[in-house]
Amino acid sequence: MQDILEKASQIRLVLFDVDGVLTDGRLFFGDHGEQYKAFHSRDGHGMRMLQEAGVSLGIITGRQSQVVTHRMEELGIEHVYQGCREKLPFFESLCERLAIPTDTIAYMGDDVVDLPVMRRVGFAATVADAHPLVKRHAHWVAEHAGGQGAARDLCELILEGRGQLDTILGRYLE
């Protein structure tokens, strides 16, 4: 666990997949093509706590959705890449634009399409219900499933590694 916390302590940017990570992976469509997604509020609060701690956040997702745009705006997520069938080019472009070393980036994915990015970051994380191959290539597997608090698990792990978790959570006990 100490090795995991050491890796987590170096993270400056956390990137998330959406379907299967920030949601449970199910896709809901209305009769007129509307998309519906359910996001867990605790994941959102974990993301806000990471931002408070000075960690940048982003998403790289294969699907395009106005629901995702709205949720990311609500959370103040600065790096949003949607409609990325191949995620690696978007990841590489972001790294180049930010001039950030890949060993200071965490990525949380759940399926094989996430592996190209997961294999290049300093901290590859996945959800409890991820594809078995993804679990084998992850540095760390969350206790919770996608859309059920897995992103919060990662946020708190990074905060713990940075030595900031107790301080941030302590504010709620005052």
N, C-alpha and C. Protein backbone atom coordinates (compact mmCIF):
# COMPACT_ATOMS: atom_id res chain seq x y z
N MET A 1 0.83 -1.21 0.00
CA MET A 1 0.00 0.00 0.00
C MET A 1 0.87 1.26 0.00
N GLN A 2 2.01 1.20 0.64
CA GLN A 2 2.89 2.38 0.69
C GLN A 2 3.33 2.79 -0.72
N ASP A 3 3.61 1.80 -1.58
CA ASP A 3 4.00 2.07 -2.96
C ASP A 3 2.86 2.80 -3.70
N ILE A 4 1.63 2.36 -3.46
CA ILE A 4 0.47 3.00 -4.09
C ILE A 4 0.32 4.43 -3.61
N LEU A 5 0.46 4.66 -2.31
CA LEU A 5 0.35 6.02 -1.78
C LEU A 5 1.47 6.91 -2.30
N GLU A 6 2.65 6.35 -2.50
CA GLU A 6 3.76 7.12 -3.06
C GLU A 6 3.43 7.54 -4.48
N LYS A 7 2.92 6.62 -5.29
CA LYS A 7 2.51 6.96 -6.66
C LYS A 7 1.42 8.05 -6.62
N ALA A 8 0.45 7.86 -5.74
CA ALA A 8 -0.66 8.81 -5.63
C ALA A 8 -0.18 10.19 -5.22
N SER A 9 0.86 10.26 -4.42
CA SER A 9 1.35 11.55 -3.94
C SER A 9 1.92 12.42 -5.06
N GLN A 10 2.29 11.82 -6.17
CA GLN A 10 2.91 12.54 -7.28
C GLN A 10 1.91 13.09 -8.30
N ILE A 11 0.64 12.77 -8.13
CA ILE A 11 -0.37 13.09 -9.14
C ILE A 11 -0.74 14.57 -9.14
N ARG A 12 -0.68 15.18 -10.32
CA ARG A 12 -1.07 16.58 -10.53
C ARG A 12 -2.31 16.72 -11.42
N LEU A 13 -2.60 15.65 -12.19
CA LEU A 13 -3.74 15.66 -13.11
C LEU A 13 -4.40 14.30 -13.05
N VAL A 14 -5.73 14.29 -12.88
CA VAL A 14 -6.49 13.04 -12.89
C VAL A 14 -7.47 13.10 -14.05
N LEU A 15 -7.42 12.06 -14.89
CA LEU A 15 -8.33 11.93 -16.02
C LEU A 15 -9.24 10.74 -15.79
N PHE A 16 -10.49 10.89 -16.15
CA PHE A 16 -11.49 9.84 -15.97
C PHE A 16 -12.14 9.51 -17.31
N ASP A 17 -12.45 8.24 -17.51
CA ASP A 17 -13.40 7.84 -18.53
C ASP A 17 -14.77 8.18 -17.93
N VAL A 18 -15.81 8.18 -18.74
CA VAL A 18 -17.14 8.48 -18.21
C VAL A 18 -17.97 7.21 -18.06
N ASP A 19 -18.35 6.58 -19.18
CA ASP A 19 -19.23 5.41 -19.11
C ASP A 19 -18.50 4.23 -18.49
N GLY A 20 -19.02 3.77 -17.36
CA GLY A 20 -18.40 2.67 -16.64
C GLY A 20 -17.47 3.11 -15.53
N VAL A 21 -17.18 4.41 -15.46
CA VAL A 21 -16.34 4.96 -14.39
C VAL A 21 -17.14 5.99 -13.60
N LEU A 22 -17.53 7.08 -14.25
CA LEU A 22 -18.36 8.09 -13.58
C LEU A 22 -19.84 7.71 -13.63
N THR A 23 -20.18 6.74 -14.48
CA THR A 23 -21.53 6.17 -14.51
C THR A 23 -21.38 4.66 -14.37
N ASP A 24 -22.49 3.97 -14.25
CA ASP A 24 -22.41 2.51 -14.12
C ASP A 24 -22.23 1.81 -15.46
N GLY A 25 -22.12 2.57 -16.53
CA GLY A 25 -21.86 2.00 -17.84
C GLY A 25 -23.10 1.72 -18.67
N ARG A 26 -24.27 1.74 -18.04
CA ARG A 26 -25.49 1.52 -18.81
C ARG A 26 -25.82 2.79 -19.59
N LEU A 27 -26.40 2.62 -20.76
CA LEU A 27 -26.78 3.74 -21.60
C LEU A 27 -28.30 3.77 -21.70
N PHE A 28 -28.88 4.91 -21.40
CA PHE A 28 -30.33 5.08 -21.46
C PHE A 28 -30.65 6.07 -22.57
N PHE A 29 -31.59 5.69 -23.45
CA PHE A 29 -31.99 6.55 -24.55
C PHE A 29 -33.50 6.73 -24.52
N GLY A 30 -33.94 7.98 -24.74
CA GLY A 30 -35.37 8.25 -24.85
C GLY A 30 -35.85 7.98 -26.26
N ASP A 31 -37.16 8.06 -26.46
CA ASP A 31 -37.77 7.79 -27.75
C ASP A 31 -37.26 8.70 -28.87
N HIS A 32 -36.78 9.87 -28.50
CA HIS A 32 -36.34 10.85 -29.50
C HIS A 32 -34.82 10.98 -29.51
N GLY A 33 -34.13 9.96 -29.01
CA GLY A 33 -32.67 9.95 -29.04
C GLY A 33 -31.99 10.64 -27.87
N GLU A 34 -32.76 11.12 -26.90
CA GLU A 34 -32.16 11.76 -25.74
C GLU A 34 -31.32 10.73 -24.97
N GLN A 35 -30.21 11.19 -24.42
CA GLN A 35 -29.37 10.32 -23.60
C GLN A 35 -29.55 10.68 -22.13
N TYR A 36 -29.55 9.66 -21.30
CA TYR A 36 -29.65 9.85 -19.87
C TYR A 36 -28.49 9.11 -19.21
N LYS A 37 -27.89 9.73 -18.22
CA LYS A 37 -26.80 9.10 -17.48
C LYS A 37 -27.00 9.45 -16.01
N ALA A 38 -26.61 8.55 -15.15
CA ALA A 38 -26.68 8.80 -13.71
C ALA A 38 -25.26 8.91 -13.16
N PHE A 39 -24.99 10.04 -12.52
CA PHE A 39 -23.70 10.28 -11.88
C PHE A 39 -23.89 10.22 -10.37
N HIS A 40 -22.91 9.68 -9.67
CA HIS A 40 -23.00 9.57 -8.22
C HIS A 40 -22.51 10.89 -7.59
N SER A 41 -23.30 11.45 -6.71
CA SER A 41 -22.94 12.74 -6.09
C SER A 41 -21.65 12.65 -5.29
N ARG A 42 -21.37 11.50 -4.68
CA ARG A 42 -20.13 11.38 -3.91
C ARG A 42 -18.90 11.44 -4.82
N ASP A 43 -19.01 10.89 -6.03
CA ASP A 43 -17.91 11.01 -6.98
C ASP A 43 -17.66 12.49 -7.28
N GLY A 44 -18.73 13.23 -7.52
CA GLY A 44 -18.59 14.65 -7.81
C GLY A 44 -17.96 15.41 -6.66
N HIS A 45 -18.35 15.07 -5.44
CA HIS A 45 -17.75 15.76 -4.29
C HIS A 45 -16.27 15.40 -4.15
N GLY A 46 -15.93 14.17 -4.41
CA GLY A 46 -14.51 13.78 -4.38
C GLY A 46 -13.71 14.56 -5.40
N MET A 47 -14.28 14.76 -6.57
CA MET A 47 -13.60 15.53 -7.61
C MET A 47 -13.42 16.98 -7.17
N ARG A 48 -14.42 17.54 -6.52
CA ARG A 48 -14.30 18.91 -6.01
C ARG A 48 -13.21 19.01 -4.94
N MET A 49 -13.12 17.98 -4.08
CA MET A 49 -12.08 17.99 -3.05
C MET A 49 -10.69 17.94 -3.68
N LEU A 50 -10.53 17.16 -4.73
CA LEU A 50 -9.24 17.12 -5.43
C LEU A 50 -8.91 18.48 -6.03
N GLN A 51 -9.89 19.12 -6.62
CA GLN A 51 -9.66 20.46 -7.18
C GLN A 51 -9.24 21.44 -6.08
N GLU A 52 -9.89 21.37 -4.93
CA GLU A 52 -9.51 22.23 -3.79
C GLU A 52 -8.07 22.01 -3.39
N ALA A 53 -7.60 20.79 -3.55
CA ALA A 53 -6.24 20.44 -3.17
C ALA A 53 -5.22 20.81 -4.26
N GLY A 54 -5.70 21.37 -5.36
CA GLY A 54 -4.79 21.82 -6.40
C GLY A 54 -4.52 20.81 -7.50
N VAL A 55 -5.32 19.76 -7.58
CA VAL A 55 -5.17 18.75 -8.62
C VAL A 55 -6.10 19.09 -9.78
N SER A 56 -5.58 19.08 -10.98
CA SER A 56 -6.40 19.34 -12.17
C SER A 56 -7.15 18.07 -12.57
N LEU A 57 -8.31 18.26 -13.19
CA LEU A 57 -9.15 17.13 -13.58
C LEU A 57 -9.56 17.23 -15.03
N GLY A 58 -9.85 16.06 -15.62
CA GLY A 58 -10.35 16.03 -16.97
C GLY A 58 -11.02 14.70 -17.26
N ILE A 59 -11.67 14.64 -18.42
CA ILE A 59 -12.28 13.40 -18.88
C ILE A 59 -11.85 13.17 -20.32
N ILE A 60 -11.75 11.90 -20.66
CA ILE A 60 -11.57 11.47 -22.05
C ILE A 60 -12.57 10.34 -22.24
N THR A 61 -13.57 10.57 -23.07
CA THR A 61 -14.64 9.59 -23.23
C THR A 61 -14.94 9.33 -24.70
N GLY A 62 -15.33 8.14 -24.99
CA GLY A 62 -15.61 7.75 -26.35
C GLY A 62 -16.92 8.27 -26.90
N ARG A 63 -17.86 8.56 -26.04
CA ARG A 63 -19.17 9.01 -26.48
C ARG A 63 -19.26 10.52 -26.39
N GLN A 64 -20.20 11.10 -27.13
CA GLN A 64 -20.48 12.53 -27.09
C GLN A 64 -21.86 12.70 -26.46
N SER A 65 -21.96 13.55 -25.44
CA SER A 65 -23.24 13.70 -24.75
C SER A 65 -23.36 15.08 -24.13
N GLN A 66 -24.50 15.71 -24.35
CA GLN A 66 -24.78 17.01 -23.72
C GLN A 66 -24.91 16.84 -22.21
N VAL A 67 -25.36 15.68 -21.77
CA VAL A 67 -25.46 15.41 -20.33
C VAL A 67 -24.08 15.48 -19.69
N VAL A 68 -23.09 14.91 -20.35
CA VAL A 68 -21.71 14.95 -19.84
C VAL A 68 -21.20 16.39 -19.84
N THR A 69 -21.46 17.11 -20.91
CA THR A 69 -21.05 18.53 -20.97
C THR A 69 -21.61 19.29 -19.78
N HIS A 70 -22.88 19.10 -19.52
CA HIS A 70 -23.54 19.79 -18.41
C HIS A 70 -22.91 19.41 -17.07
N ARG A 71 -22.71 18.12 -16.84
CA ARG A 71 -22.15 17.67 -15.55
C ARG A 71 -20.72 18.17 -15.37
N MET A 72 -19.91 18.15 -16.41
CA MET A 72 -18.53 18.60 -16.28
C MET A 72 -18.46 20.11 -16.05
N GLU A 73 -19.36 20.86 -16.69
CA GLU A 73 -19.44 22.30 -16.43
C GLU A 73 -19.83 22.56 -14.98
N GLU A 74 -20.80 21.79 -14.50
CA GLU A 74 -21.27 21.93 -13.12
C GLU A 74 -20.13 21.68 -12.12
N LEU A 75 -19.25 20.72 -12.45
CA LEU A 75 -18.13 20.39 -11.57
C LEU A 75 -16.90 21.26 -11.81
N GLY A 76 -16.93 22.07 -12.85
CA GLY A 76 -15.78 22.92 -13.15
C GLY A 76 -14.60 22.13 -13.69
N ILE A 77 -14.88 21.05 -14.40
CA ILE A 77 -13.81 20.23 -14.99
C ILE A 77 -13.25 20.97 -16.20
N GLU A 78 -11.95 21.19 -16.19
CA GLU A 78 -11.35 22.04 -17.22
C GLU A 78 -10.97 21.33 -18.51
N HIS A 79 -10.65 20.06 -18.46
CA HIS A 79 -10.21 19.34 -19.66
C HIS A 79 -11.27 18.30 -20.02
N VAL A 80 -12.05 18.58 -21.06
CA VAL A 80 -13.15 17.69 -21.44
C VAL A 80 -12.99 17.29 -22.90
N TYR A 81 -12.77 16.00 -23.12
CA TYR A 81 -12.63 15.45 -24.46
C TYR A 81 -13.71 14.39 -24.64
N GLN A 82 -14.66 14.67 -25.53
CA GLN A 82 -15.74 13.73 -25.82
C GLN A 82 -15.65 13.26 -27.27
N GLY A 83 -16.27 12.11 -27.55
CA GLY A 83 -16.27 11.59 -28.91
C GLY A 83 -14.92 11.05 -29.33
N CYS A 84 -14.15 10.56 -28.38
CA CYS A 84 -12.79 10.08 -28.65
C CYS A 84 -12.79 8.56 -28.82
N ARG A 85 -12.99 8.09 -30.02
CA ARG A 85 -12.97 6.64 -30.25
C ARG A 85 -11.62 6.06 -29.86
N GLU A 86 -10.55 6.75 -30.22
CA GLU A 86 -9.21 6.38 -29.79
C GLU A 86 -8.76 7.47 -28.83
N LYS A 87 -8.53 7.11 -27.61
CA LYS A 87 -8.27 8.09 -26.56
C LYS A 87 -6.82 8.55 -26.50
N LEU A 88 -5.91 7.71 -26.94
CA LEU A 88 -4.49 8.03 -26.81
C LEU A 88 -4.08 9.33 -27.50
N PRO A 89 -4.52 9.62 -28.73
CA PRO A 89 -4.13 10.89 -29.35
C PRO A 89 -4.58 12.11 -28.54
N PHE A 90 -5.75 12.04 -27.93
CA PHE A 90 -6.24 13.15 -27.12
C PHE A 90 -5.41 13.28 -25.85
N PHE A 91 -5.05 12.15 -25.27
CA PHE A 91 -4.20 12.14 -24.09
C PHE A 91 -2.84 12.76 -24.42
N GLU A 92 -2.23 12.33 -25.50
CA GLU A 92 -0.91 12.84 -25.88
C GLU A 92 -0.97 14.34 -26.18
N SER A 93 -2.03 14.77 -26.84
CA SER A 93 -2.20 16.19 -27.13
C SER A 93 -2.32 17.01 -25.84
N LEU A 94 -3.07 16.49 -24.89
CA LEU A 94 -3.23 17.19 -23.61
C LEU A 94 -1.90 17.27 -22.87
N CYS A 95 -1.17 16.18 -22.85
CA CYS A 95 0.15 16.18 -22.18
C CYS A 95 1.08 17.20 -22.80
N GLU A 96 1.07 17.26 -24.12
CA GLU A 96 1.93 18.21 -24.83
C GLU A 96 1.49 19.65 -24.54
N ARG A 97 0.19 19.88 -24.58
CA ARG A 97 -0.33 21.24 -24.35
C ARG A 97 -0.03 21.72 -22.94
N LEU A 98 -0.16 20.82 -21.96
CA LEU A 98 0.08 21.20 -20.56
C LEU A 98 1.55 21.08 -20.16
N ALA A 99 2.34 20.45 -21.01
CA ALA A 99 3.77 20.19 -20.70
C ALA A 99 3.88 19.51 -19.34
N ILE A 100 3.12 18.46 -19.17
CA ILE A 100 3.08 17.74 -17.89
C ILE A 100 3.65 16.33 -18.09
N PRO A 101 4.53 15.91 -17.20
CA PRO A 101 5.08 14.55 -17.33
C PRO A 101 4.00 13.50 -17.07
N THR A 102 4.04 12.42 -17.83
CA THR A 102 3.01 11.39 -17.69
C THR A 102 3.04 10.70 -16.33
N ASP A 103 4.17 10.73 -15.65
CA ASP A 103 4.23 10.08 -14.34
C ASP A 103 3.51 10.87 -13.26
N THR A 104 3.02 12.06 -13.59
CA THR A 104 2.24 12.86 -12.64
C THR A 104 0.74 12.84 -13.00
N ILE A 105 0.36 11.93 -13.88
CA ILE A 105 -1.03 11.83 -14.33
C ILE A 105 -1.61 10.49 -13.89
N ALA A 106 -2.85 10.54 -13.40
CA ALA A 106 -3.62 9.33 -13.10
C ALA A 106 -4.75 9.25 -14.12
N TYR A 107 -5.10 8.02 -14.49
CA TYR A 107 -6.23 7.81 -15.38
C TYR A 107 -7.06 6.66 -14.83
N MET A 108 -8.38 6.85 -14.78
CA MET A 108 -9.27 5.79 -14.33
C MET A 108 -10.16 5.38 -15.49
N GLY A 109 -10.00 4.12 -15.90
CA GLY A 109 -10.81 3.55 -16.97
C GLY A 109 -11.40 2.23 -16.52
N ASP A 110 -12.24 1.66 -17.36
CA ASP A 110 -12.90 0.41 -16.99
C ASP A 110 -12.89 -0.66 -18.06
N ASP A 111 -12.55 -0.31 -19.30
CA ASP A 111 -12.66 -1.27 -20.38
C ASP A 111 -11.39 -1.24 -21.23
N VAL A 112 -11.30 -2.18 -22.14
CA VAL A 112 -10.07 -2.34 -22.92
C VAL A 112 -9.72 -1.10 -23.75
N VAL A 113 -10.69 -0.30 -24.14
CA VAL A 113 -10.41 0.92 -24.90
C VAL A 113 -9.61 1.92 -24.07
N ASP A 114 -9.57 1.74 -22.76
CA ASP A 114 -8.82 2.64 -21.88
C ASP A 114 -7.36 2.22 -21.70
N LEU A 115 -7.03 1.01 -22.09
CA LEU A 115 -5.68 0.49 -21.84
C LEU A 115 -4.56 1.29 -22.48
N PRO A 116 -4.69 1.80 -23.72
CA PRO A 116 -3.58 2.57 -24.27
C PRO A 116 -3.19 3.77 -23.40
N VAL A 117 -4.17 4.45 -22.82
CA VAL A 117 -3.86 5.57 -21.93
C VAL A 117 -3.38 5.05 -20.58
N MET A 118 -4.04 4.05 -20.04
CA MET A 118 -3.66 3.51 -18.73
C MET A 118 -2.21 3.04 -18.72
N ARG A 119 -1.73 2.52 -19.84
CA ARG A 119 -0.37 1.99 -19.89
C ARG A 119 0.69 3.09 -20.00
N ARG A 120 0.25 4.35 -20.14
CA ARG A 120 1.21 5.45 -20.29
C ARG A 120 1.24 6.41 -19.11
N VAL A 121 0.29 6.29 -18.21
CA VAL A 121 0.25 7.22 -17.08
C VAL A 121 1.05 6.70 -15.90
N GLY A 122 1.34 7.61 -14.97
CA GLY A 122 2.05 7.22 -13.76
C GLY A 122 1.22 6.41 -12.80
N PHE A 123 -0.11 6.60 -12.86
CA PHE A 123 -0.99 5.89 -11.95
C PHE A 123 -2.25 5.47 -12.69
N ALA A 124 -2.36 4.18 -13.01
CA ALA A 124 -3.52 3.64 -13.71
C ALA A 124 -4.46 3.02 -12.69
N ALA A 125 -5.69 3.52 -12.67
CA ALA A 125 -6.69 3.04 -11.72
C ALA A 125 -7.89 2.50 -12.49
N THR A 126 -8.63 1.62 -11.83
CA THR A 126 -9.84 1.09 -12.44
C THR A 126 -10.90 0.84 -11.38
N VAL A 127 -12.08 0.52 -11.83
CA VAL A 127 -13.24 0.30 -10.97
C VAL A 127 -13.34 -1.17 -10.60
N ALA A 128 -14.08 -1.47 -9.56
CA ALA A 128 -14.21 -2.85 -9.07
C ALA A 128 -14.80 -3.79 -10.10
N ASP A 129 -15.68 -3.29 -10.96
CA ASP A 129 -16.34 -4.13 -11.95
C ASP A 129 -15.74 -3.99 -13.35
N ALA A 130 -14.47 -3.63 -13.42
CA ALA A 130 -13.79 -3.45 -14.71
C ALA A 130 -13.57 -4.78 -15.41
N HIS A 131 -13.28 -4.69 -16.68
CA HIS A 131 -12.90 -5.86 -17.47
C HIS A 131 -11.65 -6.48 -16.84
N PRO A 132 -11.55 -7.80 -16.79
CA PRO A 132 -10.40 -8.45 -16.15
C PRO A 132 -9.04 -8.02 -16.70
N LEU A 133 -8.93 -7.79 -18.00
CA LEU A 133 -7.66 -7.36 -18.57
C LEU A 133 -7.27 -5.98 -18.06
N VAL A 134 -8.24 -5.12 -17.89
CA VAL A 134 -7.99 -3.78 -17.37
C VAL A 134 -7.50 -3.88 -15.92
N LYS A 135 -8.12 -4.73 -15.15
CA LYS A 135 -7.68 -4.93 -13.76
C LYS A 135 -6.23 -5.40 -13.69
N ARG A 136 -5.85 -6.26 -14.62
CA ARG A 136 -4.47 -6.77 -14.61
C ARG A 136 -3.46 -5.68 -14.92
N HIS A 137 -3.86 -4.65 -15.66
CA HIS A 137 -2.93 -3.59 -16.04
C HIS A 137 -3.05 -2.35 -15.17
N ALA A 138 -3.91 -2.38 -14.20
CA ALA A 138 -4.08 -1.23 -13.29
C ALA A 138 -3.09 -1.31 -12.13
N HIS A 139 -2.64 -0.15 -11.69
CA HIS A 139 -1.84 -0.09 -10.47
C HIS A 139 -2.72 -0.31 -9.24
N TRP A 140 -3.99 0.07 -9.37
CA TRP A 140 -4.89 0.06 -8.22
C TRP A 140 -6.32 -0.15 -8.70
N VAL A 141 -7.09 -0.93 -7.93
CA VAL A 141 -8.50 -1.19 -8.24
C VAL A 141 -9.35 -0.62 -7.10
N ALA A 142 -10.32 0.21 -7.44
CA ALA A 142 -11.21 0.83 -6.44
C ALA A 142 -12.06 -0.23 -5.76
N GLU A 143 -12.50 0.10 -4.57
CA GLU A 143 -13.40 -0.78 -3.83
C GLU A 143 -14.79 -0.81 -4.46
N HIS A 144 -15.20 0.32 -5.04
CA HIS A 144 -16.55 0.44 -5.59
C HIS A 144 -16.58 0.27 -7.10
N ALA A 145 -17.76 -0.03 -7.60
CA ALA A 145 -17.99 -0.18 -9.04
C ALA A 145 -18.12 1.19 -9.70
N GLY A 146 -18.06 1.19 -11.02
CA GLY A 146 -18.26 2.42 -11.78
C GLY A 146 -19.63 3.02 -11.51
N GLY A 147 -19.66 4.33 -11.32
CA GLY A 147 -20.90 5.03 -11.03
C GLY A 147 -21.44 4.80 -9.64
N GLN A 148 -20.68 4.08 -8.82
CA GLN A 148 -21.12 3.76 -7.45
C GLN A 148 -20.12 4.23 -6.40
N GLY A 149 -19.25 5.16 -6.75
CA GLY A 149 -18.30 5.69 -5.79
C GLY A 149 -16.85 5.37 -6.09
N ALA A 150 -16.56 4.72 -7.21
CA ALA A 150 -15.18 4.38 -7.56
C ALA A 150 -14.31 5.63 -7.75
N ALA A 151 -14.87 6.64 -8.40
CA ALA A 151 -14.10 7.87 -8.60
C ALA A 151 -13.78 8.53 -7.26
N ARG A 152 -14.72 8.49 -6.33
CA ARG A 152 -14.47 9.03 -4.99
C ARG A 152 -13.36 8.26 -4.30
N ASP A 153 -13.35 6.93 -4.46
CA ASP A 153 -12.27 6.12 -3.90
C ASP A 153 -10.91 6.62 -4.39
N LEU A 154 -10.81 6.86 -5.69
CA LEU A 154 -9.55 7.34 -6.26
C LEU A 154 -9.20 8.73 -5.74
N CYS A 155 -10.17 9.61 -5.71
CA CYS A 155 -9.92 10.98 -5.22
C CYS A 155 -9.37 10.94 -3.79
N GLU A 156 -10.00 10.16 -2.93
CA GLU A 156 -9.55 10.10 -1.55
C GLU A 156 -8.19 9.44 -1.43
N LEU A 157 -7.90 8.45 -2.26
CA LEU A 157 -6.59 7.82 -2.24
C LEU A 157 -5.50 8.83 -2.60
N ILE A 158 -5.74 9.63 -3.63
CA ILE A 158 -4.76 10.64 -4.04
C ILE A 158 -4.58 11.67 -2.93
N LEU A 159 -5.69 12.11 -2.34
CA LEU A 159 -5.59 13.07 -1.24
C LEU A 159 -4.82 12.47 -0.07
N GLU A 160 -5.04 11.20 0.22
CA GLU A 160 -4.30 10.54 1.30
C GLU A 160 -2.81 10.49 0.96
N GLY A 161 -2.48 10.12 -0.27
CA GLY A 161 -1.09 10.07 -0.68
C GLY A 161 -0.41 11.42 -0.59
N ARG A 162 -1.16 12.48 -0.85
CA ARG A 162 -0.62 13.85 -0.79
C ARG A 162 -0.62 14.40 0.64
N GLY A 163 -1.15 13.62 1.59
CA GLY A 163 -1.21 14.06 2.98
C GLY A 163 -2.26 15.12 3.23
N GLN A 164 -3.30 15.19 2.40
CA GLN A 164 -4.31 16.24 2.51
C GLN A 164 -5.69 15.72 2.90
N LEU A 165 -5.89 14.42 2.93
CA LEU A 165 -7.23 13.88 3.15
C LEU A 165 -7.77 14.25 4.52
N ASP A 166 -7.01 14.05 5.58
CA ASP A 166 -7.51 14.34 6.93
C ASP A 166 -7.88 15.80 7.09
N THR A 167 -7.08 16.69 6.52
CA THR A 167 -7.36 18.13 6.62
C THR A 167 -8.66 18.47 5.91
N ILE A 168 -8.82 17.96 4.70
CA ILE A 168 -10.03 18.27 3.93
C ILE A 168 -11.26 17.68 4.60
N LEU A 169 -11.20 16.42 5.02
CA LEU A 169 -12.36 15.82 5.68
C LEU A 169 -12.61 16.45 7.05
N GLY A 170 -11.56 16.90 7.70
CA GLY A 170 -11.69 17.53 9.02
C GLY A 170 -12.54 18.78 9.00
N ARG A 171 -12.59 19.45 7.87
CA ARG A 171 -13.41 20.68 7.75
C ARG A 171 -14.89 20.38 8.00
N TYR A 172 -15.29 19.15 7.73
CA TYR A 172 -16.70 18.79 7.91
C TYR A 172 -17.02 18.40 9.35
N LEU A 173 -16.00 18.35 10.18
CA LEU A 173 -16.19 18.00 11.59
C LEU A 173 -16.12 19.21 12.50
N GLU A 174 -15.86 20.36 11.95
CA GLU A 174 -15.74 21.58 12.76
C GLU A 174 -17.10 22.12 13.17
